[in-house]
Amino acid sequence: MFVKANNNRICKLAFDAFGGVMENKPYIDMRELADLLCLSYNTVRTYHSKKSALIPPACKKAGRPLWKRSDVMDWVENRTQAM
């Protein structure tokens, strides 16, 4: 497990970060993605608007960007293995 302090909060960049309530949710929103990646909401919003490769690609559901939980898990795993 990788734990990182960011902006006076503790973030977990590990699969158990998807546990609990999120485990049953097939999609996560921008705020949940920001918390998971230990980034601010504004940073994720900027990366998303610029189609940056620094966050996983989103899909549109009900007119807003959402990320498929399994895709985010795969993206995190691939980036972790590359390091």
Protein backbone atom coordinates (compact mmCIF):
# COMPACT_ATOMS: atom_id res chain seq x y z
CA MET A 1 0.00 0.00 0.00
CA PHE A 2 1.23 3.50 -0.82
CA VAL A 3 0.11 6.21 1.57
CA LYS A 4 0.81 9.82 0.79
CA ALA A 5 0.10 12.97 2.75
CA ASN A 6 -1.27 15.78 0.61
CA ASN A 7 -2.78 19.08 1.73
CA ASN A 8 -3.06 17.91 5.36
CA ARG A 9 -4.98 14.76 4.47
CA ILE A 10 -3.98 11.14 4.10
CA CYS A 11 -4.60 9.55 0.73
CA LYS A 12 -4.29 5.89 -0.13
CA LEU A 13 -3.17 4.94 -3.59
CA ALA A 14 -4.03 1.26 -3.37
CA PHE A 15 -6.86 -1.02 -4.27
CA ASP A 16 -8.23 -0.95 -0.74
CA ALA A 17 -8.97 2.74 -1.38
CA PHE A 18 -11.85 1.40 -3.49
CA GLY A 19 -13.22 -0.64 -0.58
CA GLY A 20 -16.28 -0.06 1.53
CA VAL A 21 -19.07 1.91 -0.09
CA MET A 22 -17.13 2.57 -3.28
CA GLU A 23 -16.70 -1.14 -3.92
CA ASN A 24 -20.37 -1.41 -4.87
CA LYS A 25 -20.31 1.69 -7.08
CA PRO A 26 -19.39 0.92 -10.69
CA TYR A 27 -18.53 4.60 -11.36
CA ILE A 28 -16.72 7.27 -9.35
CA ASP A 29 -17.02 11.02 -9.75
CA MET A 30 -14.34 13.69 -10.06
CA ARG A 31 -14.10 14.32 -6.32
CA GLU A 32 -13.66 10.61 -5.54
CA LEU A 33 -11.03 10.34 -8.26
CA ALA A 34 -9.19 13.35 -6.82
CA ASP A 35 -9.18 11.79 -3.35
CA LEU A 36 -7.98 8.47 -4.69
CA LEU A 37 -5.13 9.99 -6.71
CA CYS A 38 -4.17 12.42 -3.92
CA LEU A 39 -4.85 15.41 -6.14
CA SER A 40 -7.00 18.44 -5.55
CA TYR A 41 -10.40 18.60 -7.16
CA ASN A 42 -9.28 21.60 -9.24
CA THR A 43 -6.22 19.72 -10.51
CA VAL A 44 -8.36 16.78 -11.65
CA ARG A 45 -10.83 19.16 -13.26
CA THR A 46 -8.00 20.90 -15.14
CA TYR A 47 -6.42 17.61 -16.26
CA HIS A 48 -9.81 16.37 -17.40
CA SER A 49 -10.56 19.52 -19.40
CA LYS A 50 -7.16 19.28 -21.12
CA LYS A 51 -7.58 15.54 -21.77
CA SER A 52 -4.33 14.94 -19.87
CA ALA A 53 -2.79 11.49 -19.61
CA LEU A 54 -2.06 12.24 -15.94
CA ILE A 55 -5.50 10.91 -15.02
CA PRO A 56 -7.47 8.02 -16.51
CA PRO A 57 -9.89 8.83 -19.34
CA ALA A 58 -13.48 9.53 -18.30
CA CYS A 59 -16.80 8.62 -19.81
CA LYS A 60 -19.96 10.75 -19.79
CA LYS A 61 -22.91 9.57 -17.76
CA ALA A 62 -25.93 11.84 -17.29
CA GLY A 63 -23.95 14.69 -18.81
CA ARG A 64 -21.06 14.63 -16.36
CA PRO A 65 -17.66 12.96 -16.36
CA LEU A 66 -17.46 9.71 -14.46
CA TRP A 67 -14.77 7.07 -14.28
CA LYS A 68 -15.47 3.36 -14.38
CA ARG A 69 -14.07 1.96 -11.15
CA SER A 70 -12.49 -1.09 -12.80
CA ASP A 71 -10.82 1.11 -15.45
CA VAL A 72 -9.34 3.34 -12.75
CA MET A 73 -8.07 0.30 -10.87
CA ASP A 74 -6.39 -0.99 -14.05
CA TRP A 75 -4.93 2.45 -14.80
CA VAL A 76 -3.47 2.74 -11.29
CA GLU A 77 -2.06 -0.78 -11.45
CA ASN A 78 -0.40 -0.16 -14.83
CA ARG A 79 1.13 3.12 -13.66
CA THR A 80 2.36 1.51 -10.44
CA GLN A 81 4.03 -1.35 -12.35
CA ALA A 82 5.73 1.12 -14.70
CA MET A 83 7.47 2.85 -11.77
